[in-house]
Protein backbone atom coordinates (compact mmCIF):
# COMPACT_ATOMS: atom_id res chain seq x y z
CA MET A 1 -1.62 99.10 83.12
CA PRO A 2 -1.98 101.62 86.01
CA ALA A 3 0.98 102.17 88.34
CA ASP A 4 0.90 100.41 91.71
CA PRO A 5 0.66 103.15 94.39
CA GLN A 6 2.36 100.87 96.96
CA ARG A 7 5.47 100.45 94.81
CA ALA A 8 8.28 103.02 94.93
CA PRO A 9 9.08 104.71 91.61
CA GLU A 10 12.12 103.46 89.72
CA ALA A 11 15.30 105.40 90.43
CA ASP A 12 16.71 107.49 87.59
CA PRO A 13 20.37 106.41 87.14
CA SER A 14 21.42 109.66 85.46
CA ARG A 15 19.92 111.68 88.33
CA GLU A 16 21.73 109.49 90.88
CA ARG A 17 25.03 110.02 89.03
CA ARG A 18 24.48 113.80 88.99
CA ILE A 19 23.79 113.87 92.74
CA ILE A 20 26.87 111.76 93.50
CA ALA A 21 29.03 113.88 91.18
CA GLU A 22 27.85 117.07 92.90
CA ARG A 23 28.65 115.65 96.34
CA LEU A 24 32.12 114.55 95.20
CA SER A 25 32.77 117.88 93.42
CA ASP A 26 31.83 119.81 96.56
CA ALA A 27 34.20 117.71 98.66
CA LEU A 28 37.11 117.69 96.19
CA GLY A 29 36.75 121.23 94.89
CA GLU A 30 36.85 120.28 91.21
CA PRO A 31 34.55 118.73 88.57
CA VAL A 32 33.96 114.98 88.86
CA GLU A 33 32.52 112.45 86.41
CA VAL A 34 30.97 109.35 87.99
CA VAL A 35 31.99 106.17 86.13
CA SER A 36 30.04 103.66 88.22
CA HIS A 37 28.03 103.40 91.40
CA ALA A 38 26.39 100.70 93.48
CA ALA A 39 24.43 100.64 96.72
CA PRO A 40 25.86 97.82 98.88
CA GLY A 41 23.60 98.90 101.76
CA PRO A 42 20.57 101.10 102.37
CA ASP A 43 22.64 104.11 103.51
CA ARG A 44 25.81 103.51 101.51
CA VAL A 45 26.91 104.20 97.92
CA SER A 46 30.26 103.25 96.44
CA GLY A 47 31.86 103.37 93.02
CA LEU A 48 34.45 104.87 90.69
CA ALA A 49 34.88 108.43 89.48
CA VAL A 50 37.26 110.45 87.30
CA CYS A 51 38.54 113.78 88.53
CA SER A 52 41.32 115.95 87.05
CA GLY A 53 43.61 113.19 85.78
CA ARG A 54 42.73 110.77 88.57
CA LEU A 55 40.67 107.63 88.81
CA LEU A 56 39.35 107.28 92.33
CA SER A 57 37.10 105.02 94.33
CA TYR A 58 34.58 106.52 96.72
CA VAL A 59 32.27 105.43 99.52
CA ILE A 60 29.48 107.71 100.72
CA ASP A 61 27.89 106.68 104.02
CA ALA A 62 24.72 108.72 104.59
CA GLN A 63 24.13 107.43 108.12
CA ALA A 64 27.63 108.30 109.33
CA ARG A 65 27.71 111.38 107.06
CA THR A 66 31.13 110.47 105.71
CA LEU A 67 32.78 110.46 102.31
CA ARG A 68 35.94 108.44 101.71
CA THR A 69 37.98 108.56 98.53
CA ARG A 70 41.08 106.69 97.41
CA ASN A 71 43.25 107.39 94.37
CA LEU A 72 43.52 104.29 92.17
CA LEU A 73 45.38 105.91 89.28
CA GLU A 74 46.89 109.36 88.86
CA LEU A 75 48.43 110.85 85.73
CA THR A 76 51.51 112.78 86.77
CA ARG A 77 52.48 114.36 83.46
CA ARG A 78 51.41 114.60 79.87
CA SER A 79 53.32 112.30 77.56
CA ARG A 80 51.48 112.81 74.28
CA GLN A 81 53.57 114.49 71.62
CA ALA A 82 52.46 115.88 68.29
CA VAL A 83 53.44 113.74 65.31
């Protein structure tokens, strides 16, 4: 079946995660792994990410050109000991 030229191509979730991770990494100055993301509006993306011992939530607003993050969980020290 030929593709419908009027229909937008499907978004690639892995590409979206890479783009979001790059934006977060640039803002935070360290590597970020995106855990989840959703688009609650046409110019807004929100979700969860892991970054250097932290679990954080983020909201990227393209129209306002803002990025907000909030720490949800932060590991303060290592507690694993060798057995």
